[in-house]
Amino acid sequence: MHEILRNLQPGSRVLDVGALTGSFPLDCCPNALVVRVDLEWPGGPCEGFVQADAAHLPFRSGSFDAVIANHSFEHIHGFGEALIEIGRVVMPSGCLYAAVPDASTFSDILFRWIYGSASGHVNPFCSAGELSADITAATGLTLTAARPLYSSFEYLNRYYFGKRAPWRLLLLGKGNRKFIVALSYAVRLFDRVFRTRLSAYGWAFYFGELKEALDWQSRINVCSGCGAGHDLPWLMMLNLIQRRWLFFRTYTCPGCGSRNFCTPESAGAHTVRTTAATVRRGPSSMISA
């Protein structure tokens, strides 16, 4: 999403859909007006927050230069109506970023099994091509690019469940961070050997005209502490990669400081560029892990 946010002109308006307290810090686009929209109240002060249904947005047509929907489409009831509303409030020359899980992946199946009805995933997306076509049809924005996203199983962390963790979590190390780190590395190793998609999470889509070249590299090194994906050369430049426990390499997340096993990007993900044409051919052309 940052490829869109950092290129906004002063005075631009950004709609953060399904954001609650926010999908990104305000300093990502300091000269823009950011409006956060969610059906639930965040429970505290949140600058620019508007409580509203995404299917009935209380804004004039063409109000926003950009719309960010970061891991929110899968939660929205009345998804078709919400897409139409987004198409109405975004400018014809505007941009849209959307990140969603692939409901057919091991990661999302595990997520819904652990959380049950509390998962909130009411819209199961299984085809990148079909979803991007639906978004274009409803909003009028053309798909520019997409990239595959990968999981660290960060959602298994014990602190998400409070005092009453589901019994299913007992089968997964009780949400222990070390177990999650090991699981994340194990599925990536399995992907490397057997060319599977166990570590796949979903997709990130870019619609509209981008002002800068997109970084196509898939980030398979996703932190098990905060869920942030990191570029391997960038981690090396910051001197955050260390060799520990014989031949295993680890890295320290620059965001939260968590320690993770490091996986070579060329081994885990060799799809580094996804154009609109490849998306239309279907999800299998987008992720090859």
C-alpha atoms as a PDB file:
ATOM      1  CA  MET A   1       0.000   0.000   0.000  1.00  0.00           C
ATOM      2  CA  HIS A   2       2.920   2.329   0.634  1.00  0.00           C
ATOM      3  CA  GLU A   3       3.580   2.667  -3.105  1.00  0.00           C
ATOM      4  CA  ILE A   4       0.252   4.506  -3.230  1.00  0.00           C
ATOM      5  CA  LEU A   5       0.416   6.426   0.060  1.00  0.00           C
ATOM      6  CA  ARG A   6       3.856   7.983  -0.331  1.00  0.00           C
ATOM      7  CA  ASN A   7       3.013   9.400  -3.762  1.00  0.00           C
ATOM      8  CA  LEU A   8      -0.162  11.241  -2.788  1.00  0.00           C
ATOM      9  CA  GLN A   9      -0.206  14.969  -3.477  1.00  0.00           C
ATOM     10  CA  PRO A  10      -0.718  17.461  -0.621  1.00  0.00           C
ATOM     11  CA  GLY A  11      -4.410  17.792   0.147  1.00  0.00           C
ATOM     12  CA  SER A  12      -5.250  14.290  -1.093  1.00  0.00           C
ATOM     13  CA  ARG A  13      -7.891  12.264   0.731  1.00  0.00           C
ATOM     14  CA  VAL A  14      -7.491   8.599   1.699  1.00  0.00           C
ATOM     15  CA  LEU A  15     -10.231   6.222   2.808  1.00  0.00           C
ATOM     16  CA  ASP A  16      -9.068   3.389   5.086  1.00  0.00           C
ATOM     17  CA  VAL A  17     -11.854   0.793   4.924  1.00  0.00           C
ATOM     18  CA  GLY A  18     -12.425  -1.668   7.762  1.00  0.00           C
ATOM     19  CA  ALA A  19      -9.535  -0.034   9.559  1.00  0.00           C
ATOM     20  CA  LEU A  20     -10.734   0.233  13.160  1.00  0.00           C
ATOM     21  CA  THR A  21      -7.740   2.174  14.581  1.00  0.00           C
ATOM     22  CA  GLY A  22      -5.910   2.199  11.253  1.00  0.00           C
ATOM     23  CA  SER A  23      -4.215   0.041   8.629  1.00  0.00           C
ATOM     24  CA  PHE A  24      -1.173   2.329   8.484  1.00  0.00           C
ATOM     25  CA  PRO A  25       0.417   5.167  10.509  1.00  0.00           C
ATOM     26  CA  LEU A  26      -0.544   8.696   9.546  1.00  0.00           C
ATOM     27  CA  ASP A  27       3.091   9.576   8.857  1.00  0.00           C
ATOM     28  CA  CYS A  28       2.923   7.315   5.780  1.00  0.00           C
ATOM     29  CA  CYS A  29       1.110  10.182   4.024  1.00  0.00           C
ATOM     30  CA  PRO A  30       1.594  13.278   6.221  1.00  0.00           C
ATOM     31  CA  ASN A  31       0.149  15.735   3.698  1.00  0.00           C
ATOM     32  CA  ALA A  32      -3.072  13.796   3.118  1.00  0.00           C
ATOM     33  CA  LEU A  33      -6.369  13.666   4.983  1.00  0.00           C
ATOM     34  CA  VAL A  34      -6.981  10.114   6.208  1.00  0.00           C
ATOM     35  CA  VAL A  35     -10.481   8.894   7.054  1.00  0.00           C
ATOM     36  CA  ARG A  36     -10.782   5.577   8.918  1.00  0.00           C
ATOM     37  CA  VAL A  37     -14.074   3.707   8.488  1.00  0.00           C
ATOM     38  CA  ASP A  38     -15.271   0.694  10.434  1.00  0.00           C
ATOM     39  CA  LEU A  39     -18.589  -0.722  11.574  1.00  0.00           C
ATOM     40  CA  GLU A  40     -17.207  -1.116  15.120  1.00  0.00           C
ATOM     41  CA  TRP A  41     -16.148   1.736  17.379  1.00  0.00           C
ATOM     42  CA  PRO A  42     -12.401   1.514  18.194  1.00  0.00           C
ATOM     43  CA  GLY A  43     -13.043   2.021  21.904  1.00  0.00           C
ATOM     44  CA  GLY A  44     -10.886   5.112  22.230  1.00  0.00           C
ATOM     45  CA  PRO A  45      -9.723   8.246  20.442  1.00  0.00           C
ATOM     46  CA  CYS A  46      -8.843   7.700  16.796  1.00  0.00           C
ATOM     47  CA  GLU A  47      -8.106  10.654  14.544  1.00  0.00           C
ATOM     48  CA  GLY A  48     -10.269  10.773  11.444  1.00  0.00           C
ATOM     49  CA  PHE A  49     -12.477   7.850  12.485  1.00  0.00           C
ATOM     50  CA  VAL A  50     -16.022   7.543  11.100  1.00  0.00           C
ATOM     51  CA  GLN A  51     -18.298   4.736  12.268  1.00  0.00           C
ATOM     52  CA  ALA A  52     -20.138   3.495   9.194  1.00  0.00           C
ATOM     53  CA  ASP A  53     -21.120   0.472   7.141  1.00  0.00           C
ATOM     54  CA  ALA A  54     -18.840  -0.034   4.129  1.00  0.00           C
ATOM     55  CA  ALA A  55     -21.959  -0.868   2.109  1.00  0.00           C
ATOM     56  CA  HIS A  56     -23.424   2.587   2.909  1.00  0.00           C
ATOM     57  CA  LEU A  57     -20.564   5.071   2.993  1.00  0.00           C
ATOM     58  CA  PRO A  58     -21.564   8.578   4.170  1.00  0.00           C
ATOM     59  CA  PHE A  59     -19.372  10.453   1.677  1.00  0.00           C
ATOM     60  CA  ARG A  60     -19.937  12.341  -1.560  1.00  0.00           C
ATOM     61  CA  SER A  61     -19.111  10.669  -4.854  1.00  0.00           C
ATOM     62  CA  GLY A  62     -15.503  11.102  -5.958  1.00  0.00           C
ATOM     63  CA  SER A  63     -14.374  12.217  -2.494  1.00  0.00           C
ATOM     64  CA  PHE A  64     -11.171  10.182  -2.230  1.00  0.00           C
ATOM     65  CA  ASP A  65      -7.929   9.953  -4.175  1.00  0.00           C
ATOM     66  CA  ALA A  66      -7.104   6.529  -2.745  1.00  0.00           C
ATOM     67  CA  VAL A  67      -8.834   3.696  -0.906  1.00  0.00           C
ATOM     68  CA  ILE A  68      -6.994   1.190   1.299  1.00  0.00           C
ATOM     69  CA  ALA A  69      -8.676  -2.120   2.165  1.00  0.00           C
ATOM     70  CA  ASN A  70      -5.985  -3.985   4.083  1.00  0.00           C
ATOM     71  CA  HIS A  71      -7.300  -7.404   5.182  1.00  0.00           C
ATOM     72  CA  SER A  72     -10.849  -6.088   5.450  1.00  0.00           C
ATOM     73  CA  PHE A  73     -12.794  -7.372   2.414  1.00  0.00           C
ATOM     74  CA  GLU A  74     -13.068 -10.866   3.889  1.00  0.00           C
ATOM     75  CA  HIS A  75     -14.910  -9.387   6.915  1.00  0.00           C
ATOM     76  CA  ILE A  76     -17.490  -7.187   5.164  1.00  0.00           C
ATOM     77  CA  HIS A  77     -21.129  -8.262   5.046  1.00  0.00           C
ATOM     78  CA  GLY A  78     -22.740  -7.033   1.839  1.00  0.00           C
ATOM     79  CA  PHE A  79     -19.404  -7.191   0.042  1.00  0.00           C
ATOM     80  CA  GLY A  80     -20.867  -6.514  -3.416  1.00  0.00           C
ATOM     81  CA  GLU A  81     -22.612  -3.361  -2.192  1.00  0.00           C
ATOM     82  CA  ALA A  82     -19.405  -2.260  -0.453  1.00  0.00           C
ATOM     83  CA  LEU A  83     -17.459  -2.546  -3.705  1.00  0.00           C
ATOM     84  CA  ILE A  84     -20.024  -0.396  -5.481  1.00  0.00           C
ATOM     85  CA  GLU A  85     -19.789   2.189  -2.707  1.00  0.00           C
ATOM     86  CA  ILE A  86     -15.992   2.228  -2.937  1.00  0.00           C
ATOM     87  CA  GLY A  87     -16.277   2.745  -6.677  1.00  0.00           C
ATOM     88  CA  ARG A  88     -18.633   5.635  -6.050  1.00  0.00           C
ATOM     89  CA  VAL A  89     -16.511   7.536  -3.519  1.00  0.00           C
ATOM     90  CA  VAL A  90     -13.119   7.049  -5.201  1.00  0.00           C
ATOM     91  CA  MET A  91     -12.110   9.390  -8.009  1.00  0.00           C
ATOM     92  CA  PRO A  92     -11.942   7.883 -11.519  1.00  0.00           C
ATOM     93  CA  SER A  93      -8.225   8.723 -11.491  1.00  0.00           C
ATOM     94  CA  GLY A  94      -7.776   7.278  -7.983  1.00  0.00           C
ATOM     95  CA  CYS A  95      -6.099   4.135  -6.662  1.00  0.00           C
ATOM     96  CA  LEU A  96      -7.210   1.158  -4.622  1.00  0.00           C
ATOM     97  CA  TYR A  97      -5.114  -1.254  -2.582  1.00  0.00           C
ATOM     98  CA  ALA A  98      -6.693  -4.481  -1.339  1.00  0.00           C
ATOM     99  CA  ALA A  99      -5.109  -7.383   0.548  1.00  0.00           C
ATOM    100  CA  VAL A 100      -7.133 -10.545   1.194  1.00  0.00           C
ATOM    101  CA  PRO A 101      -6.543 -14.141   2.312  1.00  0.00           C
ATOM    102  CA  ASP A 102      -6.908 -17.061  -0.066  1.00  0.00           C
ATOM    103  CA  ALA A 103      -9.563 -19.246   1.590  1.00  0.00           C
ATOM    104  CA  SER A 104      -8.163 -22.375  -0.064  1.00  0.00           C
ATOM    105  CA  THR A 105      -4.768 -22.129   1.670  1.00  0.00           C
ATOM    106  CA  PHE A 106      -3.633 -24.088   4.700  1.00  0.00           C
ATOM    107  CA  SER A 107      -3.075 -20.825   6.582  1.00  0.00           C
ATOM    108  CA  ASP A 108      -6.639 -19.555   6.207  1.00  0.00           C
ATOM    109  CA  ILE A 109      -8.192 -22.969   6.828  1.00  0.00           C
ATOM    110  CA  LEU A 110      -6.171 -23.213  10.050  1.00  0.00           C
ATOM    111  CA  PHE A 111      -7.178 -19.664  11.021  1.00  0.00           C
ATOM    112  CA  ARG A 112     -10.895 -20.395  10.633  1.00  0.00           C
ATOM    113  CA  TRP A 113     -10.548 -23.736  12.454  1.00  0.00           C
ATOM    114  CA  ILE A 114      -8.830 -22.122  15.441  1.00  0.00           C
ATOM    115  CA  TYR A 115     -11.080 -19.070  15.723  1.00  0.00           C
ATOM    116  CA  GLY A 116     -14.351 -20.696  14.674  1.00  0.00           C
ATOM    117  CA  SER A 117     -17.234 -18.232  14.383  1.00  0.00           C
ATOM    118  CA  ALA A 118     -15.025 -15.503  15.849  1.00  0.00           C
ATOM    119  CA  SER A 119     -12.795 -15.509  12.756  1.00  0.00           C
ATOM    120  CA  GLY A 120     -15.082 -13.035  11.000  1.00  0.00           C
ATOM    121  CA  HIS A 121     -14.105 -14.366   7.571  1.00  0.00           C
ATOM    122  CA  VAL A 122     -17.514 -14.195   5.925  1.00  0.00           C
ATOM    123  CA  ASN A 123     -16.254 -13.894   2.331  1.00  0.00           C
ATOM    124  CA  PRO A 124     -14.117 -16.853   1.172  1.00  0.00           C
ATOM    125  CA  PHE A 125     -11.959 -15.721  -1.770  1.00  0.00           C
ATOM    126  CA  CYS A 126     -10.388 -18.595  -3.717  1.00  0.00           C
ATOM    127  CA  SER A 127      -9.613 -17.053  -7.106  1.00  0.00           C
ATOM    128  CA  ALA A 128      -7.448 -13.984  -7.646  1.00  0.00           C
ATOM    129  CA  GLY A 129      -8.771 -13.633 -11.170  1.00  0.00           C
ATOM    130  CA  GLU A 130     -12.435 -13.684 -10.175  1.00  0.00           C
ATOM    131  CA  LEU A 131     -11.941 -11.287  -7.265  1.00  0.00           C
ATOM    132  CA  SER A 132      -9.956  -8.753  -9.266  1.00  0.00           C
ATOM    133  CA  ALA A 133     -12.562  -8.888 -12.053  1.00  0.00           C
ATOM    134  CA  ASP A 134     -15.343  -8.243  -9.521  1.00  0.00           C
ATOM    135  CA  ILE A 135     -13.466  -5.265  -8.080  1.00  0.00           C
ATOM    136  CA  THR A 136     -12.865  -3.768 -11.519  1.00  0.00           C
ATOM    137  CA  ALA A 137     -16.491  -4.268 -12.549  1.00  0.00           C
ATOM    138  CA  ALA A 138     -17.788  -2.552  -9.393  1.00  0.00           C
ATOM    139  CA  THR A 139     -15.260   0.281  -9.092  1.00  0.00           C
ATOM    140  CA  GLY A 140     -14.228   0.957 -12.682  1.00  0.00           C
ATOM    141  CA  LEU A 141     -10.558   0.828 -11.603  1.00  0.00           C
ATOM    142  CA  THR A 142      -8.201  -1.271 -13.708  1.00  0.00           C
ATOM    143  CA  LEU A 143      -5.970  -3.860 -12.068  1.00  0.00           C
ATOM    144  CA  THR A 144      -2.369  -2.698 -12.317  1.00  0.00           C
ATOM    145  CA  ALA A 145      -0.528  -5.420 -10.439  1.00  0.00           C
ATOM    146  CA  ALA A 146      -0.759  -8.050  -7.726  1.00  0.00           C
ATOM    147  CA  ARG A 147       1.640  -9.982  -5.573  1.00  0.00           C
ATOM    148  CA  PRO A 148       1.283 -13.130  -3.457  1.00  0.00           C
ATOM    149  CA  LEU A 149       1.320 -12.790   0.322  1.00  0.00           C
ATOM    150  CA  TYR A 150       2.730 -15.300   2.792  1.00  0.00           C
ATOM    151  CA  SER A 151       1.821 -16.259   6.345  1.00  0.00           C
ATOM    152  CA  SER A 152       3.844 -16.496   9.560  1.00  0.00           C
ATOM    153  CA  PHE A 153       0.877 -17.921  11.537  1.00  0.00           C
ATOM    154  CA  GLU A 154       1.198 -14.900  13.821  1.00  0.00           C
ATOM    155  CA  TYR A 155      -2.513 -15.184  14.549  1.00  0.00           C
ATOM    156  CA  LEU A 156      -1.771 -18.239  16.756  1.00  0.00           C
ATOM    157  CA  ASN A 157      -0.066 -16.107  19.413  1.00  0.00           C
ATOM    158  CA  ARG A 158      -1.535 -16.823  22.840  1.00  0.00           C
ATOM    159  CA  TYR A 159      -2.204 -13.169  23.721  1.00  0.00           C
ATOM    160  CA  TYR A 160      -4.983 -12.945  21.102  1.00  0.00           C
ATOM    161  CA  PHE A 161      -7.178 -15.331  23.070  1.00  0.00           C
ATOM    162  CA  GLY A 162      -7.172 -13.786  26.529  1.00  0.00           C
ATOM    163  CA  LYS A 163      -7.710 -16.051  29.507  1.00  0.00           C
ATOM    164  CA  ARG A 164      -9.882 -18.546  27.643  1.00  0.00           C
ATOM    165  CA  ALA A 165      -8.003 -20.065  24.741  1.00  0.00           C
ATOM    166  CA  PRO A 166      -9.879 -22.612  22.583  1.00  0.00           C
ATOM    167  CA  TRP A 167      -8.998 -26.246  23.148  1.00  0.00           C
ATOM    168  CA  ARG A 168      -7.773 -26.424  19.557  1.00  0.00           C
ATOM    169  CA  LEU A 169      -4.889 -24.115  20.454  1.00  0.00           C
ATOM    170  CA  LEU A 170      -3.567 -26.803  22.798  1.00  0.00           C
ATOM    171  CA  LEU A 171      -2.754 -28.861  19.714  1.00  0.00           C
ATOM    172  CA  LEU A 172      -0.603 -26.016  18.390  1.00  0.00           C
ATOM    173  CA  GLY A 173       1.775 -25.398  21.250  1.00  0.00           C
ATOM    174  CA  LYS A 174      -0.781 -23.386  23.266  1.00  0.00           C
ATOM    175  CA  GLY A 175       0.088 -20.339  21.186  1.00  0.00           C
ATOM    176  CA  ASN A 176       3.734 -20.402  22.291  1.00  0.00           C
ATOM    177  CA  ARG A 177       5.926 -18.082  20.170  1.00  0.00           C
ATOM    178  CA  LYS A 178       8.699 -20.655  19.725  1.00  0.00           C
ATOM    179  CA  PHE A 179       6.209 -23.180  18.378  1.00  0.00           C
ATOM    180  CA  ILE A 180       4.865 -20.622  15.888  1.00  0.00           C
ATOM    181  CA  VAL A 181       8.374 -19.760  14.701  1.00  0.00           C
ATOM    182  CA  ALA A 182       9.136 -23.463  14.197  1.00  0.00           C
ATOM    183  CA  LEU A 183       5.823 -24.063  12.389  1.00  0.00           C
ATOM    184  CA  SER A 184       6.416 -21.125  10.060  1.00  0.00           C
ATOM    185  CA  TYR A 185       9.874 -22.375   9.160  1.00  0.00           C
ATOM    186  CA  ALA A 186       8.700 -25.975   8.758  1.00  0.00           C
ATOM    187  CA  VAL A 187       6.015 -25.150   6.188  1.00  0.00           C
ATOM    188  CA  ARG A 188       8.479 -23.036   4.211  1.00  0.00           C
ATOM    189  CA  LEU A 189      10.950 -25.886   4.204  1.00  0.00           C
ATOM    190  CA  PHE A 190       8.164 -28.227   3.061  1.00  0.00           C
ATOM    191  CA  ASP A 191       7.272 -25.780   0.270  1.00  0.00           C
ATOM    192  CA  ARG A 192      10.896 -25.662  -0.800  1.00  0.00           C
ATOM    193  CA  VAL A 193      11.208 -29.437  -1.091  1.00  0.00           C
ATOM    194  CA  PHE A 194       7.779 -30.380  -2.429  1.00  0.00           C
ATOM    195  CA  ARG A 195       6.788 -27.184  -4.329  1.00  0.00           C
ATOM    196  CA  THR A 196       3.605 -26.767  -2.271  1.00  0.00           C
ATOM    197  CA  ARG A 197       1.772 -23.657  -1.006  1.00  0.00           C
ATOM    198  CA  LEU A 198       1.539 -24.315   2.727  1.00  0.00           C
ATOM    199  CA  SER A 199       3.053 -20.929   3.575  1.00  0.00           C
ATOM    200  CA  ALA A 200       0.816 -18.992   1.174  1.00  0.00           C
ATOM    201  CA  TYR A 201      -1.580 -16.472   2.721  1.00  0.00           C
ATOM    202  CA  GLY A 202      -3.352 -14.609  -0.067  1.00  0.00           C
ATOM    203  CA  TRP A 203      -2.911 -11.684  -2.446  1.00  0.00           C
ATOM    204  CA  ALA A 204      -2.297  -7.951  -2.545  1.00  0.00           C
ATOM    205  CA  PHE A 205      -3.940  -6.069  -5.432  1.00  0.00           C
ATOM    206  CA  TYR A 206      -3.179  -2.631  -6.851  1.00  0.00           C
ATOM    207  CA  PHE A 207      -5.818  -0.859  -8.930  1.00  0.00           C
ATOM    208  CA  GLY A 208      -5.412   2.432 -10.780  1.00  0.00           C
ATOM    209  CA  GLU A 209      -2.298   4.223 -11.968  1.00  0.00           C
ATOM    210  CA  LEU A 210       0.754   3.852  -9.723  1.00  0.00           C
ATOM    211  CA  LYS A 211       3.236   6.716  -9.531  1.00  0.00           C
ATOM    212  CA  GLU A 212       6.248   4.486  -8.930  1.00  0.00           C
ATOM    213  CA  ALA A 213       7.533   1.099  -9.985  1.00  0.00           C
ATOM    214  CA  LEU A 214       6.183  -1.705  -7.821  1.00  0.00           C
ATOM    215  CA  ASP A 215       8.568  -3.861  -5.822  1.00  0.00           C
ATOM    216  CA  TRP A 216       7.611  -7.271  -7.188  1.00  0.00           C
ATOM    217  CA  GLN A 217       9.606  -9.392  -4.744  1.00  0.00           C
ATOM    218  CA  SER A 218       7.402 -11.660  -2.647  1.00  0.00           C
ATOM    219  CA  ARG A 219       8.257 -11.407   1.041  1.00  0.00           C
ATOM    220  CA  ILE A 220       8.205 -14.923   2.442  1.00  0.00           C
ATOM    221  CA  ASN A 221      10.084 -13.903   5.596  1.00  0.00           C
ATOM    222  CA  VAL A 222       7.074 -12.830   7.622  1.00  0.00           C
ATOM    223  CA  CYS A 223       7.520 -12.093  11.326  1.00  0.00           C
ATOM    224  CA  SER A 224       5.737 -14.452  13.720  1.00  0.00           C
ATOM    225  CA  GLY A 225       5.522 -11.660  16.265  1.00  0.00           C
ATOM    226  CA  CYS A 226       3.874  -8.831  14.322  1.00  0.00           C
ATOM    227  CA  GLY A 227       3.015 -10.336  10.908  1.00  0.00           C
ATOM    228  CA  ALA A 228       5.172  -7.912   8.902  1.00  0.00           C
ATOM    229  CA  GLY A 229       6.858  -9.209   5.736  1.00  0.00           C
ATOM    230  CA  HIS A 230      10.492  -8.283   5.173  1.00  0.00           C
ATOM    231  CA  ASP A 231      12.721  -8.163   2.109  1.00  0.00           C
ATOM    232  CA  LEU A 232      15.766 -10.387   2.604  1.00  0.00           C
ATOM    233  CA  PRO A 233      18.366  -7.997   1.046  1.00  0.00           C
ATOM    234  CA  TRP A 234      17.010  -5.204   3.265  1.00  0.00           C
ATOM    235  CA  LEU A 235      17.432  -7.365   6.369  1.00  0.00           C
ATOM    236  CA  MET A 236      20.987  -8.135   5.290  1.00  0.00           C
ATOM    237  CA  MET A 237      21.722  -4.450   4.723  1.00  0.00           C
ATOM    238  CA  LEU A 238      20.522  -3.683   8.260  1.00  0.00           C
ATOM    239  CA  ASN A 239      22.745  -6.489   9.588  1.00  0.00           C
ATOM    240  CA  LEU A 240      19.751  -8.202  11.188  1.00  0.00           C
ATOM    241  CA  ILE A 241      20.539 -11.729   9.950  1.00  0.00           C
ATOM    242  CA  GLN A 242      22.601 -14.049  12.120  1.00  0.00           C
ATOM    243  CA  ARG A 243      23.718 -17.653  11.872  1.00  0.00           C
ATOM    244  CA  ARG A 244      22.649 -19.702  14.879  1.00  0.00           C
ATOM    245  CA  TRP A 245      22.203 -23.377  15.719  1.00  0.00           C
ATOM    246  CA  LEU A 246      24.543 -24.947  13.166  1.00  0.00           C
ATOM    247  CA  PHE A 247      23.412 -24.020   9.617  1.00  0.00           C
ATOM    248  CA  PHE A 248      20.147 -22.255  10.601  1.00  0.00           C
ATOM    249  CA  ARG A 249      19.943 -18.532   9.957  1.00  0.00           C
ATOM    250  CA  THR A 250      17.699 -16.230  11.955  1.00  0.00           C
ATOM    251  CA  TYR A 251      16.729 -12.587  11.684  1.00  0.00           C
ATOM    252  CA  THR A 252      15.509  -9.971  14.113  1.00  0.00           C
ATOM    253  CA  CYS A 253      12.329  -8.209  13.052  1.00  0.00           C
ATOM    254  CA  PRO A 254      13.109  -4.474  12.740  1.00  0.00           C
ATOM    255  CA  GLY A 255       9.525  -3.678  13.727  1.00  0.00           C
ATOM    256  CA  CYS A 256       8.924  -5.677  16.922  1.00  0.00           C
ATOM    257  CA  GLY A 257      12.301  -7.253  17.678  1.00  0.00           C
ATOM    258  CA  SER A 258      11.064 -10.866  17.426  1.00  0.00           C
ATOM    259  CA  ARG A 259      13.496 -13.585  16.365  1.00  0.00           C
ATOM    260  CA  ASN A 260      12.525 -15.668  13.302  1.00  0.00           C
ATOM    261  CA  PHE A 261      14.133 -18.311  11.149  1.00  0.00           C
ATOM    262  CA  CYS A 262      15.321 -16.892   7.832  1.00  0.00           C
ATOM    263  CA  THR A 263      14.251 -18.546   4.574  1.00  0.00           C
ATOM    264  CA  PRO A 264      15.970 -17.892   1.205  1.00  0.00           C
ATOM    265  CA  GLU A 265      13.517 -16.025  -0.993  1.00  0.00           C
ATOM    266  CA  SER A 266      14.529 -17.815  -4.180  1.00  0.00           C
ATOM    267  CA  ALA A 267      13.622 -21.116  -2.560  1.00  0.00           C
ATOM    268  CA  GLY A 268      10.296 -20.181  -1.087  1.00  0.00           C
ATOM    269  CA  ALA A 269       8.805 -17.946  -3.770  1.00  0.00           C
ATOM    270  CA  HIS A 270       9.882 -17.736  -7.383  1.00  0.00           C
ATOM    271  CA  THR A 271       6.933 -15.703  -8.584  1.00  0.00           C
ATOM    272  CA  VAL A 272       8.304 -12.173  -8.333  1.00  0.00           C
ATOM    273  CA  ARG A 273       6.208 -10.338 -10.878  1.00  0.00           C
ATOM    274  CA  THR A 274       2.467 -10.578 -11.296  1.00  0.00           C
ATOM    275  CA  THR A 275       0.762  -8.504 -13.956  1.00  0.00           C
ATOM    276  CA  ALA A 276      -2.905  -8.027 -14.705  1.00  0.00           C
ATOM    277  CA  ALA A 277      -2.642 -10.643 -17.455  1.00  0.00           C
ATOM    278  CA  THR A 278      -1.333 -13.353 -15.127  1.00  0.00           C
ATOM    279  CA  VAL A 279      -4.001 -12.602 -12.539  1.00  0.00           C
ATOM    280  CA  ARG A 280      -6.717 -13.150 -15.135  1.00  0.00           C
ATOM    281  CA  ARG A 281      -5.309 -16.631 -15.792  1.00  0.00           C
ATOM    282  CA  GLY A 282      -6.197 -17.631 -12.234  1.00  0.00           C
ATOM    283  CA  PRO A 283      -4.686 -18.074  -8.784  1.00  0.00           C
ATOM    284  CA  SER A 284      -2.245 -20.832  -9.701  1.00  0.00           C
ATOM    285  CA  SER A 285      -0.300 -18.438 -11.923  1.00  0.00           C
ATOM    286  CA  MET A 286       0.085 -15.987  -9.060  1.00  0.00           C
ATOM    287  CA  ILE A 287       1.664 -18.099  -6.342  1.00  0.00           C
ATOM    288  CA  SER A 288       4.278 -20.733  -6.919  1.00  0.00           C
ATOM    289  CA  ALA A 289       5.766 -21.852  -3.648  1.00  0.00           C
END
